C-alpha atoms as a PDB file:
ATOM      1  CA  UNK A   1     -59.846 -16.686 -73.347  1.00  0.00           C
ATOM      2  CA  UNK A   2     -57.857 -17.711 -70.257  1.00  0.00           C
ATOM      3  CA  UNK A   3     -61.025 -17.685 -68.180  1.00  0.00           C
ATOM      4  CA  UNK A   4     -62.638 -19.923 -70.785  1.00  0.00           C
ATOM      5  CA  UNK A   5     -59.796 -22.444 -70.512  1.00  0.00           C
ATOM      6  CA  UNK A   6     -59.924 -22.366 -66.712  1.00  0.00           C
ATOM      7  CA  UNK A   7     -63.668 -23.007 -66.844  1.00  0.00           C
ATOM      8  CA  UNK A   8     -63.098 -25.774 -69.384  1.00  0.00           C
ATOM      9  CA  UNK A   9     -60.600 -27.435 -67.052  1.00  0.00           C
ATOM     10  CA  UNK A  10     -62.923 -27.067 -64.090  1.00  0.00           C
ATOM     11  CA  UNK A  11     -66.079 -28.448 -65.721  1.00  0.00           C
ATOM     12  CA  UNK A  12     -64.671 -31.197 -67.877  1.00  0.00           C
ATOM     13  CA  UNK A  13     -62.215 -33.914 -67.134  1.00  0.00           C
ATOM     14  CA  UNK A  14     -58.892 -32.651 -68.506  1.00  0.00           C
ATOM     15  CA  UNK A  15     -57.666 -36.137 -69.444  1.00  0.00           C
ATOM     16  CA  UNK A  16     -60.568 -36.720 -71.817  1.00  0.00           C
ATOM     17  CA  UNK A  17     -59.973 -33.508 -73.777  1.00  0.00           C
ATOM     18  CA  UNK A  18     -56.188 -33.246 -73.662  1.00  0.00           C
ATOM     19  CA  UNK A  19     -55.797 -32.452 -77.381  1.00  0.00           C
ATOM     20  CA  UNK A  20     -58.528 -29.819 -77.209  1.00  0.00           C
ATOM     21  CA  UNK A  21     -56.791 -28.150 -74.260  1.00  0.00           C
ATOM     22  CA  UNK A  22     -53.478 -28.076 -76.136  1.00  0.00           C
ATOM     23  CA  UNK A  23     -55.206 -26.575 -79.173  1.00  0.00           C
ATOM     24  CA  UNK A  24     -56.808 -23.850 -77.038  1.00  0.00           C
ATOM     25  CA  UNK A  25     -53.484 -23.032 -75.374  1.00  0.00           C
ATOM     26  CA  UNK A  26     -51.877 -22.646 -78.801  1.00  0.00           C
ATOM     27  CA  UNK A  27     -54.770 -20.498 -80.000  1.00  0.00           C
ATOM     28  CA  UNK A  28     -54.442 -17.978 -77.174  1.00  0.00           C
ATOM     29  CA  UNK A  29     -50.726 -17.509 -77.854  1.00  0.00           C
ATOM     30  CA  UNK A  30     -51.121 -16.730 -81.573  1.00  0.00           C
ATOM     31  CA  UNK A  31     -51.015 -13.133 -82.676  1.00  0.00           C
ATOM     32  CA  UNK A  32     -54.392 -11.887 -83.788  1.00  0.00           C
ATOM     33  CA  UNK A  33     -52.909  -9.108 -85.868  1.00  0.00           C
ATOM     34  CA  UNK A  34     -49.626  -8.703 -87.637  1.00  0.00           C
ATOM     35  CA  UNK A  35     -49.352  -5.008 -86.827  1.00  0.00           C
ATOM     36  CA  UNK A  36     -46.880  -5.599 -83.991  1.00  0.00           C
ATOM     37  CA  UNK A  37     -44.561  -7.516 -86.283  1.00  0.00           C
ATOM     38  CA  UNK A  38     -44.925  -4.950 -89.052  1.00  0.00           C
ATOM     39  CA  UNK A  39     -44.125  -2.092 -86.672  1.00  0.00           C
ATOM     40  CA  UNK A  40     -41.086  -3.941 -85.354  1.00  0.00           C
ATOM     41  CA  UNK A  41     -39.686  -4.601 -88.815  1.00  0.00           C
ATOM     42  CA  UNK A  42     -40.398  -1.030 -89.879  1.00  0.00           C
ATOM     43  CA  UNK A  43     -38.545   0.238 -86.824  1.00  0.00           C
ATOM     44  CA  UNK A  44     -35.697  -2.186 -87.514  1.00  0.00           C
ATOM     45  CA  UNK A  45     -35.496  -0.892 -91.086  1.00  0.00           C
ATOM     46  CA  UNK A  46     -35.321   2.703 -89.813  1.00  0.00           C
ATOM     47  CA  UNK A  47     -32.564   1.888 -87.318  1.00  0.00           C
ATOM     48  CA  UNK A  48     -30.491  -0.379 -89.567  1.00  0.00           C
ATOM     49  CA  UNK A  49     -29.220   1.894 -92.310  1.00  0.00           C
ATOM     50  CA  UNK A  50     -25.991   1.877 -94.320  1.00  0.00           C
ATOM     51  CA  UNK A  51     -24.088   3.474 -91.443  1.00  0.00           C
ATOM     52  CA  UNK A  52     -25.343   0.926 -88.903  1.00  0.00           C
ATOM     53  CA  UNK A  53     -25.308  -2.226 -90.982  1.00  0.00           C
ATOM     54  CA  UNK A  54     -23.006  -4.067 -88.542  1.00  0.00           C
ATOM     55  CA  UNK A  55     -24.769  -3.168 -85.321  1.00  0.00           C
ATOM     56  CA  UNK A  56     -24.528  -5.871 -82.668  1.00  0.00           C
ATOM     57  CA  UNK A  57     -27.681  -7.564 -81.449  1.00  0.00           C
ATOM     58  CA  UNK A  58     -27.547  -6.115 -77.889  1.00  0.00           C
ATOM     59  CA  UNK A  59     -27.064  -2.576 -79.217  1.00  0.00           C
ATOM     60  CA  UNK A  60     -29.792  -3.049 -81.804  1.00  0.00           C
ATOM     61  CA  UNK A  61     -32.118  -4.346 -79.085  1.00  0.00           C
ATOM     62  CA  UNK A  62     -31.383  -1.292 -76.932  1.00  0.00           C
ATOM     63  CA  UNK A  63     -31.939   1.103 -79.852  1.00  0.00           C
ATOM     64  CA  UNK A  64     -35.251  -0.554 -80.720  1.00  0.00           C
ATOM     65  CA  UNK A  65     -36.442  -0.396 -77.102  1.00  0.00           C
ATOM     66  CA  UNK A  66     -35.548   3.289 -76.899  1.00  0.00           C
ATOM     67  CA  UNK A  67     -37.376   3.985 -80.159  1.00  0.00           C
ATOM     68  CA  UNK A  68     -40.427   1.912 -79.167  1.00  0.00           C
ATOM     69  CA  UNK A  69     -40.821   3.337 -75.653  1.00  0.00           C
ATOM     70  CA  UNK A  70     -39.504   6.904 -75.695  1.00  0.00           C
ATOM     71  CA  UNK A  71     -39.251   8.730 -72.387  1.00  0.00           C
ATOM     72  CA  UNK A  72     -39.751  12.484 -72.698  1.00  0.00           C
ATOM     73  CA  UNK A  73     -36.846  14.481 -71.285  1.00  0.00           C
ATOM     74  CA  UNK A  74     -37.483  17.471 -69.097  1.00  0.00           C
ATOM     75  CA  UNK A  75     -35.215  20.503 -69.203  1.00  0.00           C
ATOM     76  CA  UNK A  76     -33.523  19.379 -65.959  1.00  0.00           C
ATOM     77  CA  UNK A  77     -32.887  15.867 -67.306  1.00  0.00           C
ATOM     78  CA  UNK A  78     -31.346  17.274 -70.459  1.00  0.00           C
ATOM     79  CA  UNK A  79     -29.109  19.635 -68.487  1.00  0.00           C
ATOM     80  CA  UNK A  80     -27.888  16.707 -66.349  1.00  0.00           C
ATOM     81  CA  UNK A  81     -27.257  14.639 -69.473  1.00  0.00           C
ATOM     82  CA  UNK A  82     -25.196  17.429 -71.077  1.00  0.00           C
ATOM     83  CA  UNK A  83     -23.204  17.935 -67.864  1.00  0.00           C
ATOM     84  CA  UNK A  84     -22.476  14.196 -67.638  1.00  0.00           C
ATOM     85  CA  UNK A  85     -21.479  14.063 -71.317  1.00  0.00           C
ATOM     86  CA  UNK A  86     -19.184  17.078 -70.956  1.00  0.00           C
ATOM     87  CA  UNK A  87     -17.416  15.868 -67.811  1.00  0.00           C
ATOM     88  CA  UNK A  88     -16.940  12.266 -68.983  1.00  0.00           C
ATOM     89  CA  UNK A  89     -13.813  13.133 -70.989  1.00  0.00           C
ATOM     90  CA  UNK A  90     -11.952  16.117 -72.384  1.00  0.00           C
ATOM     91  CA  UNK A  91     -14.039  17.843 -75.045  1.00  0.00           C
ATOM     92  CA  UNK A  92     -12.995  20.297 -77.742  1.00  0.00           C
ATOM     93  CA  UNK A  93     -16.210  22.217 -77.129  1.00  0.00           C
ATOM     94  CA  UNK A  94     -15.941  24.723 -74.289  1.00  0.00           C
ATOM     95  CA  UNK A  95     -18.981  25.094 -72.061  1.00  0.00           C
ATOM     96  CA  UNK A  96     -19.751  26.888 -68.847  1.00  0.00           C
ATOM     97  CA  UNK A  97     -21.509  24.621 -66.373  1.00  0.00           C
END
């Protein structure tokens, strides 16, 4: 669609078809499907439960991004995460590192 608009600008005088150009620019920004919105609201519903009903917007944004784009953890990554968690403060759980 962008190539079409570029070609339209190149071949025709832009000033004569200003409204048509604006209409085409609006058309290419509209969502074709609502699946993205539906997935986002479904994910929001899963994250926002009774225990998290007062979650701040930045935290909610971070939780949604993590849920939308999960990064698989390797065994080494998980071991580093556990070590960092354990050494961050005094824990009641005793572990050998």
